[in-house]
Amino acid sequence: MPQLTRPSENELLQQIEALRRELDEILQQSPELLGSQQVYALSSRLDILIATYMRSKAQPNSPKK
C-alpha cells in the first residue's frame, strides 16, 4: 500500500493562496454565487487546508530517525 505524504508548509500555503484567489475571482465576477454549492465547496476546501496548516504549526517537529 503506498504511503501518503503530507504536503510541506510551503505547499499548503501555496494551495491556500490559490484557492483564496479562485474564490475571490469567482465572487468578484459573479457575487450572486455567494450561496452556491460551488462557492461552498471551495470555501470548505479552504477551511480544511487552513486547519491542516494550523495543526502542522501547532505540532512540535518530531525527531528524525
PDB file of N, CA and C in Angstrom:
ATOM      1  N   MET A   1       0.851  -1.177   0.000  1.00  0.00           N
ATOM      2  CA  MET A   1       0.000   0.000   0.000  1.00  0.00           C
ATOM      3  C   MET A   1       0.896   1.240   0.000  1.00  0.00           C
ATOM      4  N   PRO A   2       0.694   2.171  -0.941  1.00  0.00           N
ATOM      5  CA  PRO A   2       1.541   3.360  -0.983  1.00  0.00           C
ATOM      6  C   PRO A   2       1.310   4.240   0.238  1.00  0.00           C
ATOM      7  N   GLN A   3       2.388   4.832   0.715  1.00  0.00           N
ATOM      8  CA  GLN A   3       2.299   5.701   1.880  1.00  0.00           C
ATOM      9  C   GLN A   3       2.006   7.131   1.415  1.00  0.00           C
ATOM     10  N   LEU A   4       1.021   7.751   2.053  1.00  0.00           N
ATOM     11  CA  LEU A   4       0.670   9.123   1.716  1.00  0.00           C
ATOM     12  C   LEU A   4       1.646  10.072   2.386  1.00  0.00           C
ATOM     13  N   THR A   5       2.076  11.065   1.658  1.00  0.00           N
ATOM     14  CA  THR A   5       2.967  12.059   2.245  1.00  0.00           C
ATOM     15  C   THR A   5       2.189  13.345   2.461  1.00  0.00           C
ATOM     16  N   ARG A   6       2.505  14.000   3.548  1.00  0.00           N
ATOM     17  CA  ARG A   6       1.853  15.271   3.849  1.00  0.00           C
ATOM     18  C   ARG A   6       2.518  16.375   3.042  1.00  0.00           C
ATOM     19  N   PRO A   7       1.723  17.320   2.575  1.00  0.00           N
ATOM     20  CA  PRO A   7       2.341  18.449   1.867  1.00  0.00           C
ATOM     21  C   PRO A   7       3.156  19.289   2.849  1.00  0.00           C
ATOM     22  N   SER A   8       4.197  19.911   2.352  1.00  0.00           N
ATOM     23  CA  SER A   8       5.009  20.783   3.197  1.00  0.00           C
ATOM     24  C   SER A   8       4.210  22.041   3.543  1.00  0.00           C
ATOM     25  N   GLU A   9       4.703  22.781   4.527  1.00  0.00           N
ATOM     26  CA  GLU A   9       4.027  24.030   4.904  1.00  0.00           C
ATOM     27  C   GLU A   9       3.953  24.970   3.709  1.00  0.00           C
ATOM     28  N   ASN A  10       5.027  25.029   2.946  1.00  0.00           N
ATOM     29  CA  ASN A  10       5.051  25.906   1.772  1.00  0.00           C
ATOM     30  C   ASN A  10       4.006  25.477   0.747  1.00  0.00           C
ATOM     31  N   GLU A  11       3.875  24.175   0.523  1.00  0.00           N
ATOM     32  CA  GLU A  11       2.865  23.672  -0.412  1.00  0.00           C
ATOM     33  C   GLU A  11       1.456  24.001   0.077  1.00  0.00           C
ATOM     34  N   LEU A  12       1.230  23.843   1.381  1.00  0.00           N
ATOM     35  CA  LEU A  12      -0.080  24.183   1.944  1.00  0.00           C
ATOM     36  C   LEU A  12      -0.389  25.664   1.742  1.00  0.00           C
ATOM     37  N   LEU A  13       0.589  26.508   2.015  1.00  0.00           N
ATOM     38  CA  LEU A  13       0.380  27.949   1.845  1.00  0.00           C
ATOM     39  C   LEU A  13       0.092  28.297   0.385  1.00  0.00           C
ATOM     40  N   GLN A  14       0.765  27.630  -0.531  1.00  0.00           N
ATOM     41  CA  GLN A  14       0.514  27.870  -1.953  1.00  0.00           C
ATOM     42  C   GLN A  14      -0.900  27.439  -2.337  1.00  0.00           C
ATOM     43  N   GLN A  15      -1.332  26.289  -1.829  1.00  0.00           N
ATOM     44  CA  GLN A  15      -2.686  25.810  -2.115  1.00  0.00           C
ATOM     45  C   GLN A  15      -3.735  26.751  -1.520  1.00  0.00           C
ATOM     46  N   ILE A  16      -3.484  27.214  -0.291  1.00  0.00           N
ATOM     47  CA  ILE A  16      -4.406  28.143   0.369  1.00  0.00           C
ATOM     48  C   ILE A  16      -4.526  29.424  -0.454  1.00  0.00           C
ATOM     49  N   GLU A  17      -3.397  29.965  -0.873  1.00  0.00           N
ATOM     50  CA  GLU A  17      -3.418  31.209  -1.646  1.00  0.00           C
ATOM     51  C   GLU A  17      -4.111  31.016  -2.993  1.00  0.00           C
ATOM     52  N   ALA A  18      -3.872  29.903  -3.660  1.00  0.00           N
ATOM     53  CA  ALA A  18      -4.518  29.641  -4.954  1.00  0.00           C
ATOM     54  C   ALA A  18      -6.037  29.547  -4.794  1.00  0.00           C
ATOM     55  N   LEU A  19      -6.489  28.856  -3.753  1.00  0.00           N
ATOM     56  CA  LEU A  19      -7.932  28.739  -3.519  1.00  0.00           C
ATOM     57  C   LEU A  19      -8.543  30.079  -3.144  1.00  0.00           C
ATOM     58  N   ARG A  20      -7.829  30.837  -2.330  1.00  0.00           N
ATOM     59  CA  ARG A  20      -8.321  32.158  -1.938  1.00  0.00           C
ATOM     60  C   ARG A  20      -8.501  33.044  -3.166  1.00  0.00           C
ATOM     61  N   ARG A  21      -7.519  33.008  -4.061  1.00  0.00           N
ATOM     62  CA  ARG A  21      -7.620  33.799  -5.295  1.00  0.00           C
ATOM     63  C   ARG A  21      -8.787  33.335  -6.163  1.00  0.00           C
ATOM     64  N   GLU A  22      -8.945  32.012  -6.264  1.00  0.00           N
ATOM     65  CA  GLU A  22     -10.041  31.467  -7.074  1.00  0.00           C
ATOM     66  C   GLU A  22     -11.398  31.915  -6.533  1.00  0.00           C
ATOM     67  N   LEU A  23     -11.563  31.812  -5.216  1.00  0.00           N
ATOM     68  CA  LEU A  23     -12.818  32.256  -4.595  1.00  0.00           C
ATOM     69  C   LEU A  23     -13.042  33.750  -4.820  1.00  0.00           C
ATOM     70  N   ASP A  24     -12.007  34.529  -4.624  1.00  0.00           N
ATOM     71  CA  ASP A  24     -12.109  35.974  -4.803  1.00  0.00           C
ATOM     72  C   ASP A  24     -12.517  36.311  -6.234  1.00  0.00           C
ATOM     73  N   GLU A  25     -11.892  35.650  -7.196  1.00  0.00           N
ATOM     74  CA  GLU A  25     -12.206  35.903  -8.605  1.00  0.00           C
ATOM     75  C   GLU A  25     -13.657  35.534  -8.933  1.00  0.00           C
ATOM     76  N   ILE A  26     -14.092  34.381  -8.455  1.00  0.00           N
ATOM     77  CA  ILE A  26     -15.472  33.937  -8.701  1.00  0.00           C
ATOM     78  C   ILE A  26     -16.463  34.938  -8.131  1.00  0.00           C
ATOM     79  N   LEU A  27     -16.224  35.358  -6.892  1.00  0.00           N
ATOM     80  CA  LEU A  27     -17.180  36.253  -6.233  1.00  0.00           C
ATOM     81  C   LEU A  27     -17.136  37.673  -6.788  1.00  0.00           C
ATOM     82  N   GLN A  28     -15.987  38.101  -7.291  1.00  0.00           N
ATOM     83  CA  GLN A  28     -15.937  39.425  -7.914  1.00  0.00           C
ATOM     84  C   GLN A  28     -16.672  39.424  -9.246  1.00  0.00           C
ATOM     85  N   GLN A  29     -16.539  38.324  -9.988  1.00  0.00           N
ATOM     86  CA  GLN A  29     -17.199  38.240 -11.292  1.00  0.00           C
ATOM     87  C   GLN A  29     -18.689  37.954 -11.162  1.00  0.00           C
ATOM     88  N   SER A  30     -19.050  37.154 -10.159  1.00  0.00           N
ATOM     89  CA  SER A  30     -20.452  36.738 -10.001  1.00  0.00           C
ATOM     90  C   SER A  30     -20.834  36.709  -8.524  1.00  0.00           C
ATOM     91  N   PRO A  31     -21.082  37.873  -7.919  1.00  0.00           N
ATOM     92  CA  PRO A  31     -21.410  37.907  -6.491  1.00  0.00           C
ATOM     93  C   PRO A  31     -22.661  37.106  -6.138  1.00  0.00           C
ATOM     94  N   GLU A  32     -23.528  36.885  -7.117  1.00  0.00           N
ATOM     95  CA  GLU A  32     -24.745  36.107  -6.853  1.00  0.00           C
ATOM     96  C   GLU A  32     -24.437  34.642  -6.533  1.00  0.00           C
ATOM     97  N   LEU A  33     -23.211  34.202  -6.772  1.00  0.00           N
ATOM     98  CA  LEU A  33     -22.828  32.817  -6.468  1.00  0.00           C
ATOM     99  C   LEU A  33     -22.449  32.623  -4.997  1.00  0.00           C
ATOM    100  N   LEU A  34     -22.565  33.672  -4.199  1.00  0.00           N
ATOM    101  CA  LEU A  34     -22.135  33.599  -2.799  1.00  0.00           C
ATOM    102  C   LEU A  34     -22.705  32.402  -2.054  1.00  0.00           C
ATOM    103  N   GLY A  35     -23.949  32.058  -2.240  1.00  0.00           N
ATOM    104  CA  GLY A  35     -24.543  30.923  -1.532  1.00  0.00           C
ATOM    105  C   GLY A  35     -24.557  29.634  -2.333  1.00  0.00           C
ATOM    106  N   SER A  36     -23.820  29.589  -3.424  1.00  0.00           N
ATOM    107  CA  SER A  36     -23.872  28.429  -4.322  1.00  0.00           C
ATOM    108  C   SER A  36     -23.069  27.246  -3.791  1.00  0.00           C
ATOM    109  N   GLN A  37     -23.367  26.082  -4.330  1.00  0.00           N
ATOM    110  CA  GLN A  37     -22.640  24.869  -3.943  1.00  0.00           C
ATOM    111  C   GLN A  37     -21.172  24.958  -4.340  1.00  0.00           C
ATOM    112  N   GLN A  38     -20.885  25.575  -5.479  1.00  0.00           N
ATOM    113  CA  GLN A  38     -19.501  25.716  -5.933  1.00  0.00           C
ATOM    114  C   GLN A  38     -18.679  26.520  -4.928  1.00  0.00           C
ATOM    115  N   VAL A  39     -19.213  27.652  -4.503  1.00  0.00           N
ATOM    116  CA  VAL A  39     -18.503  28.503  -3.547  1.00  0.00           C
ATOM    117  C   VAL A  39     -18.411  27.806  -2.192  1.00  0.00           C
ATOM    118  N   TYR A  40     -19.468  27.120  -1.793  1.00  0.00           N
ATOM    119  CA  TYR A  40     -19.441  26.378  -0.529  1.00  0.00           C
ATOM    120  C   TYR A  40     -18.349  25.307  -0.566  1.00  0.00           C
ATOM    121  N   ALA A  41     -18.247  24.586  -1.679  1.00  0.00           N
ATOM    122  CA  ALA A  41     -17.238  23.528  -1.801  1.00  0.00           C
ATOM    123  C   ALA A  41     -15.825  24.109  -1.737  1.00  0.00           C
ATOM    124  N   LEU A  42     -15.601  25.210  -2.437  1.00  0.00           N
ATOM    125  CA  LEU A  42     -14.279  25.841  -2.398  1.00  0.00           C
ATOM    126  C   LEU A  42     -13.967  26.382  -1.007  1.00  0.00           C
ATOM    127  N   SER A  43     -14.961  26.984  -0.358  1.00  0.00           N
ATOM    128  CA  SER A  43     -14.767  27.508   0.996  1.00  0.00           C
ATOM    129  C   SER A  43     -14.458  26.388   1.978  1.00  0.00           C
ATOM    130  N   SER A  44     -15.145  25.273   1.823  1.00  0.00           N
ATOM    131  CA  SER A  44     -14.900  24.123   2.700  1.00  0.00           C
ATOM    132  C   SER A  44     -13.491  23.590   2.504  1.00  0.00           C
ATOM    133  N   ARG A  45     -13.059  23.496   1.258  1.00  0.00           N
ATOM    134  CA  ARG A  45     -11.695  23.031   0.968  1.00  0.00           C
ATOM    135  C   ARG A  45     -10.674  24.000   1.557  1.00  0.00           C
ATOM    136  N   LEU A  46     -10.940  25.284   1.443  1.00  0.00           N
ATOM    137  CA  LEU A  46     -10.048  26.290   2.011  1.00  0.00           C
ATOM    138  C   LEU A  46      -9.978  26.150   3.530  1.00  0.00           C
ATOM    139  N   ASP A  47     -11.115  25.941   4.177  1.00  0.00           N
ATOM    140  CA  ASP A  47     -11.144  25.726   5.630  1.00  0.00           C
ATOM    141  C   ASP A  47     -10.296  24.525   6.027  1.00  0.00           C
ATOM    142  N   ILE A  48     -10.407  23.443   5.266  1.00  0.00           N
ATOM    143  CA  ILE A  48      -9.643  22.224   5.563  1.00  0.00           C
ATOM    144  C   ILE A  48      -8.146  22.487   5.423  1.00  0.00           C
ATOM    145  N   LEU A  49      -7.757  23.178   4.367  1.00  0.00           N
ATOM    146  CA  LEU A  49      -6.337  23.487   4.167  1.00  0.00           C
ATOM    147  C   LEU A  49      -5.799  24.375   5.285  1.00  0.00           C
ATOM    148  N   ILE A  50      -6.582  25.371   5.684  1.00  0.00           N
ATOM    149  CA  ILE A  50      -6.147  26.261   6.767  1.00  0.00           C
ATOM    150  C   ILE A  50      -6.014  25.483   8.068  1.00  0.00           C
ATOM    151  N   ALA A  51      -6.981  24.619   8.367  1.00  0.00           N
ATOM    152  CA  ALA A  51      -6.914  23.810   9.592  1.00  0.00           C
ATOM    153  C   ALA A  51      -5.708  22.877   9.557  1.00  0.00           C
ATOM    154  N   THR A  52      -5.440  22.290   8.404  1.00  0.00           N
ATOM    155  CA  THR A  52      -4.276  21.407   8.261  1.00  0.00           C
ATOM    156  C   THR A  52      -2.993  22.184   8.502  1.00  0.00           C
ATOM    157  N   TYR A  53      -2.909  23.375   7.942  1.00  0.00           N
ATOM    158  CA  TYR A  53      -1.730  24.214   8.132  1.00  0.00           C
ATOM    159  C   TYR A  53      -1.560  24.588   9.605  1.00  0.00           C
ATOM    160  N   MET A  54      -2.649  24.988  10.250  1.00  0.00           N
ATOM    161  CA  MET A  54      -2.573  25.382  11.657  1.00  0.00           C
ATOM    162  C   MET A  54      -2.170  24.206  12.545  1.00  0.00           C
ATOM    163  N   ARG A  55      -2.692  23.017  12.245  1.00  0.00           N
ATOM    164  CA  ARG A  55      -2.286  21.829  13.010  1.00  0.00           C
ATOM    165  C   ARG A  55      -0.795  21.553  12.825  1.00  0.00           C
ATOM    166  N   SER A  56      -0.304  21.725  11.613  1.00  0.00           N
ATOM    167  CA  SER A  56       1.119  21.469  11.368  1.00  0.00           C
ATOM    168  C   SER A  56       1.984  22.465  12.134  1.00  0.00           C
ATOM    169  N   LYS A  57       1.511  23.691  12.292  1.00  0.00           N
ATOM    170  CA  LYS A  57       2.264  24.691  13.052  1.00  0.00           C
ATOM    171  C   LYS A  57       2.212  24.424  14.552  1.00  0.00           C
ATOM    172  N   ALA A  58       1.136  23.796  15.017  1.00  0.00           N
ATOM    173  CA  ALA A  58       0.966  23.548  16.450  1.00  0.00           C
ATOM    174  C   ALA A  58       1.756  22.333  16.925  1.00  0.00           C
ATOM    175  N   GLN A  59       2.059  21.416  16.022  1.00  0.00           N
ATOM    176  CA  GLN A  59       2.773  20.201  16.410  1.00  0.00           C
ATOM    177  C   GLN A  59       4.273  20.470  16.413  1.00  0.00           C
ATOM    178  N   PRO A  60       4.926  20.076  17.509  1.00  0.00           N
ATOM    179  CA  PRO A  60       6.384  20.220  17.517  1.00  0.00           C
ATOM    180  C   PRO A  60       6.982  19.269  16.481  1.00  0.00           C
ATOM    181  N   ASN A  61       8.092  19.672  15.920  1.00  0.00           N
ATOM    182  CA  ASN A  61       8.754  18.801  14.948  1.00  0.00           C
ATOM    183  C   ASN A  61       9.197  17.525  15.634  1.00  0.00           C
ATOM    184  N   SER A  62       8.800  16.413  15.065  1.00  0.00           N
ATOM    185  CA  SER A  62       9.199  15.136  15.650  1.00  0.00           C
ATOM    186  C   SER A  62      10.648  14.865  15.274  1.00  0.00           C
ATOM    187  N   PRO A  63      11.387  14.238  16.186  1.00  0.00           N
ATOM    188  CA  PRO A  63      12.794  13.955  15.878  1.00  0.00           C
ATOM    189  C   PRO A  63      12.896  12.987  14.704  1.00  0.00           C
ATOM    190  N   LYS A  64      13.849  13.248  13.824  1.00  0.00           N
ATOM    191  CA  LYS A  64      14.043  12.374  12.672  1.00  0.00           C
ATOM    192  C   LYS A  64      14.979  11.246  13.051  1.00  0.00           C
ATOM    193  N   LYS A  65      14.629  10.068  12.589  1.00  0.00           N
ATOM    194  CA  LYS A  65      15.453   8.895  12.908  1.00  0.00           C
ATOM    195  C   LYS A  65      16.280   8.505  11.719  1.00  0.00           C
TER     196      LYS A  65
END
